[in-house]
Amino acid sequence: MKARTDVLVEIRSAVETLLKNAAEFKDRFRKDPINWGDLHCTEVLYCLDDEGHERYQVHIAECDPACGELKRYIIESLQSHYDENDEFEVITEW
């Protein structure tokens, strides 16, 4: 797993693109409370815990913290594009 800034910027850009694409098929996310007008990625963090577990943490603003379908969509899309060993966590917030 890479902690370089360029990787974090690349992931954030990918998430922004995924969010724009998601807006084109909103029906998939009809159960998720989302403010489509201002939905965006606020930050991407590289996390390393005290047990050596690594992950990328993606923060998305303007949707409910319980937006399960949107979180699944972002995680699955990122995992299909990046290394199979990379782990992603998505946090949604108003």
PDB file of N, CA and C in Angstrom:
ATOM      1  N   MET A   1       0.850  -1.180   0.000  1.00  0.00           N
ATOM      2  CA  MET A   1       0.000   0.000   0.000  1.00  0.00           C
ATOM      3  C   MET A   1       0.890   1.235   0.000  1.00  0.00           C
ATOM      4  N   LYS A   2       0.477   2.227  -0.735  1.00  0.00           N
ATOM      5  CA  LYS A   2       1.273   3.440  -0.855  1.00  0.00           C
ATOM      6  C   LYS A   2       0.636   4.575  -0.065  1.00  0.00           C
ATOM      7  N   ALA A   3       1.458   5.346   0.616  1.00  0.00           N
ATOM      8  CA  ALA A   3       0.956   6.474   1.405  1.00  0.00           C
ATOM      9  C   ALA A   3       1.293   7.801   0.740  1.00  0.00           C
ATOM     10  N   ARG A   4       1.726   7.751  -0.494  1.00  0.00           N
ATOM     11  CA  ARG A   4       2.152   8.972  -1.175  1.00  0.00           C
ATOM     12  C   ARG A   4       0.970   9.906  -1.439  1.00  0.00           C
ATOM     13  N   THR A   5       1.269  11.175  -1.418  1.00  0.00           N
ATOM     14  CA  THR A   5       0.245  12.188  -1.650  1.00  0.00           C
ATOM     15  C   THR A   5      -0.398  12.025  -3.017  1.00  0.00           C
ATOM     16  N   ASP A   6       0.388  11.671  -4.035  1.00  0.00           N
ATOM     17  CA  ASP A   6      -0.178  11.544  -5.379  1.00  0.00           C
ATOM     18  C   ASP A   6      -1.235  10.441  -5.448  1.00  0.00           C
ATOM     19  N   VAL A   7      -1.065   9.386  -4.671  1.00  0.00           N
ATOM     20  CA  VAL A   7      -2.060   8.311  -4.639  1.00  0.00           C
ATOM     21  C   VAL A   7      -3.344   8.812  -3.979  1.00  0.00           C
ATOM     22  N   LEU A   8      -3.213   9.587  -2.915  1.00  0.00           N
ATOM     23  CA  LEU A   8      -4.390  10.131  -2.228  1.00  0.00           C
ATOM     24  C   LEU A   8      -5.161  11.083  -3.142  1.00  0.00           C
ATOM     25  N   VAL A   9      -4.433  11.904  -3.888  1.00  0.00           N
ATOM     26  CA  VAL A   9      -5.062  12.832  -4.832  1.00  0.00           C
ATOM     27  C   VAL A   9      -5.766  12.050  -5.940  1.00  0.00           C
ATOM     28  N   GLU A  10      -5.125  10.996  -6.412  1.00  0.00           N
ATOM     29  CA  GLU A  10      -5.710  10.152  -7.458  1.00  0.00           C
ATOM     30  C   GLU A  10      -7.000   9.487  -6.973  1.00  0.00           C
ATOM     31  N   ILE A  11      -6.986   8.984  -5.756  1.00  0.00           N
ATOM     32  CA  ILE A  11      -8.185   8.348  -5.199  1.00  0.00           C
ATOM     33  C   ILE A  11      -9.308   9.372  -5.049  1.00  0.00           C
ATOM     34  N   ARG A  12      -8.976  10.561  -4.565  1.00  0.00           N
ATOM     35  CA  ARG A  12     -10.003  11.599  -4.397  1.00  0.00           C
ATOM     36  C   ARG A  12     -10.630  11.967  -5.739  1.00  0.00           C
ATOM     37  N   SER A  13      -9.810  12.089  -6.752  1.00  0.00           N
ATOM     38  CA  SER A  13     -10.312  12.391  -8.090  1.00  0.00           C
ATOM     39  C   SER A  13     -11.215  11.266  -8.596  1.00  0.00           C
ATOM     40  N   ALA A  14     -10.808  10.026  -8.356  1.00  0.00           N
ATOM     41  CA  ALA A  14     -11.620   8.873  -8.765  1.00  0.00           C
ATOM     42  C   ALA A  14     -12.968   8.883  -8.048  1.00  0.00           C
ATOM     43  N   VAL A  15     -12.967   9.219  -6.765  1.00  0.00           N
ATOM     44  CA  VAL A  15     -14.214   9.264  -5.992  1.00  0.00           C
ATOM     45  C   VAL A  15     -15.128  10.363  -6.529  1.00  0.00           C
ATOM     46  N   GLU A  16     -14.569  11.523  -6.845  1.00  0.00           N
ATOM     47  CA  GLU A  16     -15.381  12.614  -7.407  1.00  0.00           C
ATOM     48  C   GLU A  16     -16.048  12.160  -8.708  1.00  0.00           C
ATOM     49  N   THR A  17     -15.303  11.451  -9.538  1.00  0.00           N
ATOM     50  CA  THR A  17     -15.863  10.930 -10.786  1.00  0.00           C
ATOM     51  C   THR A  17     -16.962   9.912 -10.502  1.00  0.00           C
ATOM     52  N   LEU A  18     -16.724   9.032  -9.541  1.00  0.00           N
ATOM     53  CA  LEU A  18     -17.734   8.038  -9.169  1.00  0.00           C
ATOM     54  C   LEU A  18     -19.008   8.703  -8.652  1.00  0.00           C
ATOM     55  N   LEU A  19     -18.861   9.777  -7.889  1.00  0.00           N
ATOM     56  CA  LEU A  19     -20.035  10.485  -7.366  1.00  0.00           C
ATOM     57  C   LEU A  19     -20.828  11.131  -8.498  1.00  0.00           C
ATOM     58  N   LYS A  20     -20.132  11.697  -9.479  1.00  0.00           N
ATOM     59  CA  LYS A  20     -20.823  12.280 -10.639  1.00  0.00           C
ATOM     60  C   LYS A  20     -21.552  11.194 -11.419  1.00  0.00           C
ATOM     61  N   ASN A  21     -20.901  10.050 -11.583  1.00  0.00           N
ATOM     62  CA  ASN A  21     -21.543   8.934 -12.282  1.00  0.00           C
ATOM     63  C   ASN A  21     -22.758   8.429 -11.512  1.00  0.00           C
ATOM     64  N   ALA A  22     -22.653   8.376 -10.194  1.00  0.00           N
ATOM     65  CA  ALA A  22     -23.761   7.902  -9.360  1.00  0.00           C
ATOM     66  C   ALA A  22     -24.987   8.795  -9.521  1.00  0.00           C
ATOM     67  N   ALA A  23     -24.758  10.082  -9.693  1.00  0.00           N
ATOM     68  CA  ALA A  23     -25.865  11.024  -9.848  1.00  0.00           C
ATOM     69  C   ALA A  23     -26.671  10.740 -11.113  1.00  0.00           C
ATOM     70  N   GLU A  24     -26.048  10.070 -12.084  1.00  0.00           N
ATOM     71  CA  GLU A  24     -26.732   9.759 -13.338  1.00  0.00           C
ATOM     72  C   GLU A  24     -27.705   8.586 -13.193  1.00  0.00           C
ATOM     73  N   PHE A  25     -27.531   7.771 -12.174  1.00  0.00           N
ATOM     74  CA  PHE A  25     -28.465   6.666 -11.935  1.00  0.00           C
ATOM     75  C   PHE A  25     -28.887   6.646 -10.464  1.00  0.00           C
ATOM     76  N   LYS A  26     -29.542   7.730 -10.067  1.00  0.00           N
ATOM     77  CA  LYS A  26     -29.962   7.939  -8.677  1.00  0.00           C
ATOM     78  C   LYS A  26     -30.900   6.859  -8.153  1.00  0.00           C
ATOM     79  N   ASP A  27     -31.634   6.210  -9.039  1.00  0.00           N
ATOM     80  CA  ASP A  27     -32.584   5.181  -8.585  1.00  0.00           C
ATOM     81  C   ASP A  27     -31.902   4.079  -7.792  1.00  0.00           C
ATOM     82  N   ARG A  28     -30.663   3.781  -8.124  1.00  0.00           N
ATOM     83  CA  ARG A  28     -29.921   2.745  -7.394  1.00  0.00           C
ATOM     84  C   ARG A  28     -29.766   3.124  -5.920  1.00  0.00           C
ATOM     85  N   PHE A  29     -29.753   4.422  -5.638  1.00  0.00           N
ATOM     86  CA  PHE A  29     -29.491   4.931  -4.291  1.00  0.00           C
ATOM     87  C   PHE A  29     -30.735   5.558  -3.665  1.00  0.00           C
ATOM     88  N   ARG A  30     -31.910   5.193  -4.130  1.00  0.00           N
ATOM     89  CA  ARG A  30     -33.143   5.845  -3.666  1.00  0.00           C
ATOM     90  C   ARG A  30     -33.393   5.702  -2.167  1.00  0.00           C
ATOM     91  N   LYS A  31     -32.828   4.679  -1.527  1.00  0.00           N
ATOM     92  CA  LYS A  31     -32.998   4.497  -0.078  1.00  0.00           C
ATOM     93  C   LYS A  31     -31.967   5.284   0.731  1.00  0.00           C
ATOM     94  N   ASP A  32     -30.963   5.830   0.059  1.00  0.00           N
ATOM     95  CA  ASP A  32     -29.910   6.586   0.740  1.00  0.00           C
ATOM     96  C   ASP A  32     -30.237   8.079   0.711  1.00  0.00           C
ATOM     97  N   PRO A  33     -30.380   8.741   1.871  1.00  0.00           N
ATOM     98  CA  PRO A  33     -30.599  10.189   1.889  1.00  0.00           C
ATOM     99  C   PRO A  33     -29.331  10.916   1.421  1.00  0.00           C
ATOM    100  N   ILE A  34     -29.429  11.544   0.251  1.00  0.00           N
ATOM    101  CA  ILE A  34     -28.267  12.186  -0.368  1.00  0.00           C
ATOM    102  C   ILE A  34     -28.658  13.559  -0.883  1.00  0.00           C
ATOM    103  N   ASN A  35     -27.825  14.555  -0.629  1.00  0.00           N
ATOM    104  CA  ASN A  35     -27.974  15.884  -1.215  1.00  0.00           C
ATOM    105  C   ASN A  35     -27.154  15.888  -2.505  1.00  0.00           C
ATOM    106  N   TRP A  36     -27.786  15.535  -3.611  1.00  0.00           N
ATOM    107  CA  TRP A  36     -27.065  15.391  -4.879  1.00  0.00           C
ATOM    108  C   TRP A  36     -26.467  16.709  -5.357  1.00  0.00           C
ATOM    109  N   GLY A  37     -27.031  17.822  -4.946  1.00  0.00           N
ATOM    110  CA  GLY A  37     -26.545  19.118  -5.400  1.00  0.00           C
ATOM    111  C   GLY A  37     -25.170  19.489  -4.887  1.00  0.00           C
ATOM    112  N   ASP A  38     -24.772  18.945  -3.742  1.00  0.00           N
ATOM    113  CA  ASP A  38     -23.482  19.322  -3.151  1.00  0.00           C
ATOM    114  C   ASP A  38     -22.659  18.108  -2.708  1.00  0.00           C
ATOM    115  N   LEU A  39     -22.989  16.934  -3.206  1.00  0.00           N
ATOM    116  CA  LEU A  39     -22.284  15.707  -2.848  1.00  0.00           C
ATOM    117  C   LEU A  39     -20.835  15.782  -3.330  1.00  0.00           C
ATOM    118  N   HIS A  40     -19.883  15.552  -2.408  1.00  0.00           N
ATOM    119  CA  HIS A  40     -18.473  15.625  -2.807  1.00  0.00           C
ATOM    120  C   HIS A  40     -17.571  14.912  -1.800  1.00  0.00           C
ATOM    121  N   CYS A  41     -16.380  14.604  -2.256  1.00  0.00           N
ATOM    122  CA  CYS A  41     -15.360  13.981  -1.411  1.00  0.00           C
ATOM    123  C   CYS A  41     -14.599  15.093  -0.698  1.00  0.00           C
ATOM    124  N   THR A  42     -14.567  15.050   0.621  1.00  0.00           N
ATOM    125  CA  THR A  42     -13.886  16.101   1.378  1.00  0.00           C
ATOM    126  C   THR A  42     -12.421  15.786   1.636  1.00  0.00           C
ATOM    127  N   GLU A  43     -12.103  14.485   1.763  1.00  0.00           N
ATOM    128  CA  GLU A  43     -10.707  14.106   1.975  1.00  0.00           C
ATOM    129  C   GLU A  43     -10.525  12.604   1.826  1.00  0.00           C
ATOM    130  N   VAL A  44      -9.276  12.226   1.569  1.00  0.00           N
ATOM    131  CA  VAL A  44      -8.876  10.821   1.544  1.00  0.00           C
ATOM    132  C   VAL A  44      -7.662  10.705   2.451  1.00  0.00           C
ATOM    133  N   LEU A  45      -7.715   9.778   3.383  1.00  0.00           N
ATOM    134  CA  LEU A  45      -6.634   9.595   4.351  1.00  0.00           C
ATOM    135  C   LEU A  45      -6.006   8.216   4.194  1.00  0.00           C
ATOM    136  N   TYR A  46      -4.719   8.144   4.447  1.00  0.00           N
ATOM    137  CA  TYR A  46      -4.032   6.860   4.555  1.00  0.00           C
ATOM    138  C   TYR A  46      -3.964   6.553   6.042  1.00  0.00           C
ATOM    139  N   CYS A  47      -4.465   5.403   6.455  1.00  0.00           N
ATOM    140  CA  CYS A  47      -4.512   5.047   7.875  1.00  0.00           C
ATOM    141  C   CYS A  47      -3.679   3.803   8.154  1.00  0.00           C
ATOM    142  N   LEU A  48      -2.945   3.849   9.240  1.00  0.00           N
ATOM    143  CA  LEU A  48      -2.149   2.718   9.712  1.00  0.00           C
ATOM    144  C   LEU A  48      -2.405   2.604  11.205  1.00  0.00           C
ATOM    145  N   ASP A  49      -3.019   1.481  11.634  1.00  0.00           N
ATOM    146  CA  ASP A  49      -3.314   1.354  13.056  1.00  0.00           C
ATOM    147  C   ASP A  49      -2.154   0.710  13.810  1.00  0.00           C
ATOM    148  N   ASP A  50      -2.305   0.591  15.116  1.00  0.00           N
ATOM    149  CA  ASP A  50      -1.220   0.098  15.967  1.00  0.00           C
ATOM    150  C   ASP A  50      -0.907  -1.383  15.757  1.00  0.00           C
ATOM    151  N   GLU A  51      -1.731  -2.077  14.995  1.00  0.00           N
ATOM    152  CA  GLU A  51      -1.463  -3.479  14.679  1.00  0.00           C
ATOM    153  C   GLU A  51      -0.906  -3.649  13.267  1.00  0.00           C
ATOM    154  N   GLY A  52      -0.629  -2.526  12.607  1.00  0.00           N
ATOM    155  CA  GLY A  52      -0.059  -2.569  11.267  1.00  0.00           C
ATOM    156  C   GLY A  52      -1.074  -2.716  10.142  1.00  0.00           C
ATOM    157  N   HIS A  53      -2.349  -2.590  10.465  1.00  0.00           N
ATOM    158  CA  HIS A  53      -3.412  -2.702   9.470  1.00  0.00           C
ATOM    159  C   HIS A  53      -3.516  -1.391   8.692  1.00  0.00           C
ATOM    160  N   GLU A  54      -3.455  -1.474   7.357  1.00  0.00           N
ATOM    161  CA  GLU A  54      -3.488  -0.286   6.511  1.00  0.00           C
ATOM    162  C   GLU A  54      -4.814  -0.187   5.764  1.00  0.00           C
ATOM    163  N   ARG A  55      -5.249   1.048   5.517  1.00  0.00           N
ATOM    164  CA  ARG A  55      -6.438   1.276   4.704  1.00  0.00           C
ATOM    165  C   ARG A  55      -6.456   2.730   4.237  1.00  0.00           C
ATOM    166  N   TYR A  56      -7.220   2.945   3.187  1.00  0.00           N
ATOM    167  CA  TYR A  56      -7.516   4.295   2.739  1.00  0.00           C
ATOM    168  C   TYR A  56      -8.910   4.630   3.246  1.00  0.00           C
ATOM    169  N   GLN A  57      -9.052   5.813   3.831  1.00  0.00           N
ATOM    170  CA  GLN A  57     -10.336   6.247   4.372  1.00  0.00           C
ATOM    171  C   GLN A  57     -10.838   7.410   3.518  1.00  0.00           C
ATOM    172  N   VAL A  58     -12.013   7.243   2.937  1.00  0.00           N
ATOM    173  CA  VAL A  58     -12.607   8.234   2.045  1.00  0.00           C
ATOM    174  C   VAL A  58     -13.769   8.906   2.774  1.00  0.00           C
ATOM    175  N   HIS A  59     -13.745  10.238   2.833  1.00  0.00           N
ATOM    176  CA  HIS A  59     -14.814  10.999   3.486  1.00  0.00           C
ATOM    177  C   HIS A  59     -15.657  11.689   2.415  1.00  0.00           C
ATOM    178  N   ILE A  60     -16.974  11.476   2.505  1.00  0.00           N
ATOM    179  CA  ILE A  60     -17.904  12.059   1.544  1.00  0.00           C
ATOM    180  C   ILE A  60     -18.931  12.887   2.307  1.00  0.00           C
ATOM    181  N   ALA A  61     -19.119  14.128   1.864  1.00  0.00           N
ATOM    182  CA  ALA A  61     -20.058  15.043   2.519  1.00  0.00           C
ATOM    183  C   ALA A  61     -21.358  15.136   1.743  1.00  0.00           C
ATOM    184  N   GLU A  62     -22.401  15.477   2.460  1.00  0.00           N
ATOM    185  CA  GLU A  62     -23.745  15.724   1.953  1.00  0.00           C
ATOM    186  C   GLU A  62     -24.552  14.458   1.707  1.00  0.00           C
ATOM    187  N   CYS A  63     -24.355  13.501   2.602  1.00  0.00           N
ATOM    188  CA  CYS A  63     -25.212  12.312   2.604  1.00  0.00           C
ATOM    189  C   CYS A  63     -25.230  11.721   4.009  1.00  0.00           C
ATOM    190  N   ASP A  64     -26.271  10.965   4.266  1.00  0.00           N
ATOM    191  CA  ASP A  64     -26.481  10.382   5.584  1.00  0.00           C
ATOM    192  C   ASP A  64     -25.366   9.406   5.950  1.00  0.00           C
ATOM    193  N   PRO A  65     -24.961   9.366   7.214  1.00  0.00           N
ATOM    194  CA  PRO A  65     -23.925   8.417   7.644  1.00  0.00           C
ATOM    195  C   PRO A  65     -24.287   6.949   7.388  1.00  0.00           C
ATOM    196  N   ALA A  66     -25.555   6.664   7.192  1.00  0.00           N
ATOM    197  CA  ALA A  66     -25.981   5.277   6.966  1.00  0.00           C
ATOM    198  C   ALA A  66     -26.221   4.954   5.487  1.00  0.00           C
ATOM    199  N   CYS A  67     -25.639   5.711   4.587  1.00  0.00           N
ATOM    200  CA  CYS A  67     -25.838   5.489   3.145  1.00  0.00           C
ATOM    201  C   CYS A  67     -25.126   4.224   2.675  1.00  0.00           C
ATOM    202  N   GLY A  68     -25.715   3.088   2.955  1.00  0.00           N
ATOM    203  CA  GLY A  68     -25.079   1.808   2.665  1.00  0.00           C
ATOM    204  C   GLY A  68     -24.824   1.535   1.200  1.00  0.00           C
ATOM    205  N   GLU A  69     -25.788   1.827   0.339  1.00  0.00           N
ATOM    206  CA  GLU A  69     -25.623   1.520  -1.086  1.00  0.00           C
ATOM    207  C   GLU A  69     -24.544   2.403  -1.715  1.00  0.00           C
ATOM    208  N   LEU A  70     -24.514   3.679  -1.355  1.00  0.00           N
ATOM    209  CA  LEU A  70     -23.479   4.565  -1.895  1.00  0.00           C
ATOM    210  C   LEU A  70     -22.096   4.126  -1.424  1.00  0.00           C
ATOM    211  N   LYS A  71     -21.978   3.783  -0.161  1.00  0.00           N
ATOM    212  CA  LYS A  71     -20.691   3.308   0.367  1.00  0.00           C
ATOM    213  C   LYS A  71     -20.235   2.057  -0.374  1.00  0.00           C
ATOM    214  N   ARG A  72     -21.155   1.119  -0.566  1.00  0.00           N
ATOM    215  CA  ARG A  72     -20.827  -0.126  -1.282  1.00  0.00           C
ATOM    216  C   ARG A  72     -20.350   0.160  -2.699  1.00  0.00           C
ATOM    217  N   TYR A  73     -21.057   1.043  -3.385  1.00  0.00           N
ATOM    218  CA  TYR A  73     -20.713   1.417  -4.755  1.00  0.00           C
ATOM    219  C   TYR A  73     -19.299   1.995  -4.830  1.00  0.00           C
ATOM    220  N   ILE A  74     -18.971   2.910  -3.930  1.00  0.00           N
ATOM    221  CA  ILE A  74     -17.643   3.533  -3.933  1.00  0.00           C
ATOM    222  C   ILE A  74     -16.568   2.496  -3.624  1.00  0.00           C
ATOM    223  N   ILE A  75     -16.757   1.698  -2.590  1.00  0.00           N
ATOM    224  CA  ILE A  75     -15.757   0.696  -2.203  1.00  0.00           C
ATOM    225  C   ILE A  75     -15.540  -0.318  -3.320  1.00  0.00           C
ATOM    226  N   GLU A  76     -16.609  -0.868  -3.873  1.00  0.00           N
ATOM    227  CA  GLU A  76     -16.475  -1.867  -4.933  1.00  0.00           C
ATOM    228  C   GLU A  76     -15.788  -1.289  -6.164  1.00  0.00           C
ATOM    229  N   SER A  77     -16.113  -0.059  -6.505  1.00  0.00           N
ATOM    230  CA  SER A  77     -15.495   0.583  -7.667  1.00  0.00           C
ATOM    231  C   SER A  77     -14.007   0.817  -7.444  1.00  0.00           C
ATOM    232  N   LEU A  78     -13.636   1.292  -6.263  1.00  0.00           N
ATOM    233  CA  LEU A  78     -12.222   1.524  -5.963  1.00  0.00           C
ATOM    234  C   LEU A  78     -11.451   0.207  -5.921  1.00  0.00           C
ATOM    235  N   GLN A  79     -12.034  -0.808  -5.312  1.00  0.00           N
ATOM    236  CA  GLN A  79     -11.347  -2.102  -5.223  1.00  0.00           C
ATOM    237  C   GLN A  79     -11.129  -2.721  -6.599  1.00  0.00           C
ATOM    238  N   SER A  80     -12.019  -2.479  -7.527  1.00  0.00           N
ATOM    239  CA  SER A  80     -11.854  -3.043  -8.865  1.00  0.00           C
ATOM    240  C   SER A  80     -10.771  -2.312  -9.654  1.00  0.00           C
ATOM    241  N   HIS A  81     -10.450  -1.098  -9.240  1.00  0.00           N
ATOM    242  CA  HIS A  81      -9.458  -0.292  -9.963  1.00  0.00           C
ATOM    243  C   HIS A  81      -8.063  -0.369  -9.343  1.00  0.00           C
ATOM    244  N   TYR A  82      -7.992  -0.517  -8.040  1.00  0.00           N
ATOM    245  CA  TYR A  82      -6.701  -0.503  -7.346  1.00  0.00           C
ATOM    246  C   TYR A  82      -6.251  -1.908  -6.977  1.00  0.00           C
ATOM    247  N   ASP A  83      -5.103  -2.010  -6.355  1.00  0.00           N
ATOM    248  CA  ASP A  83      -4.523  -3.291  -5.961  1.00  0.00           C
ATOM    249  C   ASP A  83      -5.502  -4.076  -5.091  1.00  0.00           C
ATOM    250  N   GLU A  84      -5.589  -5.374  -5.334  1.00  0.00           N
ATOM    251  CA  GLU A  84      -6.538  -6.205  -4.576  1.00  0.00           C
ATOM    252  C   GLU A  84      -6.252  -6.229  -3.082  1.00  0.00           C
ATOM    253  N   ASN A  85      -5.041  -5.867  -2.688  1.00  0.00           N
ATOM    254  CA  ASN A  85      -4.687  -5.839  -1.268  1.00  0.00           C
ATOM    255  C   ASN A  85      -5.039  -4.515  -0.597  1.00  0.00           C
ATOM    256  N   ASP A  86      -5.396  -3.507  -1.395  1.00  0.00           N
ATOM    257  CA  ASP A  86      -5.771  -2.216  -0.824  1.00  0.00           C
ATOM    258  C   ASP A  86      -7.155  -2.323  -0.187  1.00  0.00           C
ATOM    259  N   GLU A  87      -7.286  -1.738   0.992  1.00  0.00           N
ATOM    260  CA  GLU A  87      -8.577  -1.732   1.684  1.00  0.00           C
ATOM    261  C   GLU A  87      -9.097  -0.306   1.735  1.00  0.00           C
ATOM    262  N   PHE A  88     -10.398  -0.149   1.520  1.00  0.00           N
ATOM    263  CA  PHE A  88     -11.023   1.164   1.527  1.00  0.00           C
ATOM    264  C   PHE A  88     -12.152   1.193   2.544  1.00  0.00           C
ATOM    265  N   GLU A  89     -12.263   2.334   3.209  1.00  0.00           N
ATOM    266  CA  GLU A  89     -13.361   2.588   4.138  1.00  0.00           C
ATOM    267  C   GLU A  89     -14.002   3.896   3.700  1.00  0.00           C
ATOM    268  N   VAL A  90     -15.313   3.936   3.635  1.00  0.00           N
ATOM    269  CA  VAL A  90     -16.012   5.154   3.239  1.00  0.00           C
ATOM    270  C   VAL A  90     -16.826   5.656   4.421  1.00  0.00           C
ATOM    271  N   ILE A  91     -16.637   6.923   4.734  1.00  0.00           N
ATOM    272  CA  ILE A  91     -17.379   7.582   5.811  1.00  0.00           C
ATOM    273  C   ILE A  91     -18.220   8.680   5.171  1.00  0.00           C
ATOM    274  N   THR A  92     -19.532   8.601   5.381  1.00  0.00           N
ATOM    275  CA  THR A  92     -20.426   9.619   4.837  1.00  0.00           C
ATOM    276  C   THR A  92     -20.956  10.475   5.982  1.00  0.00           C
ATOM    277  N   GLU A  93     -21.144  11.748   5.691  1.00  0.00           N
ATOM    278  CA  GLU A  93     -21.546  12.694   6.737  1.00  0.00           C
ATOM    279  C   GLU A  93     -22.254  13.890   6.120  1.00  0.00           C
ATOM    280  N   TRP A  94     -23.073  14.520   6.935  1.00  0.00           N
ATOM    281  CA  TRP A  94     -23.755  15.731   6.485  1.00  0.00           C
ATOM    282  C   TRP A  94     -22.820  16.895   6.663  1.00  0.00           C
TER     283      TRP A  94
END
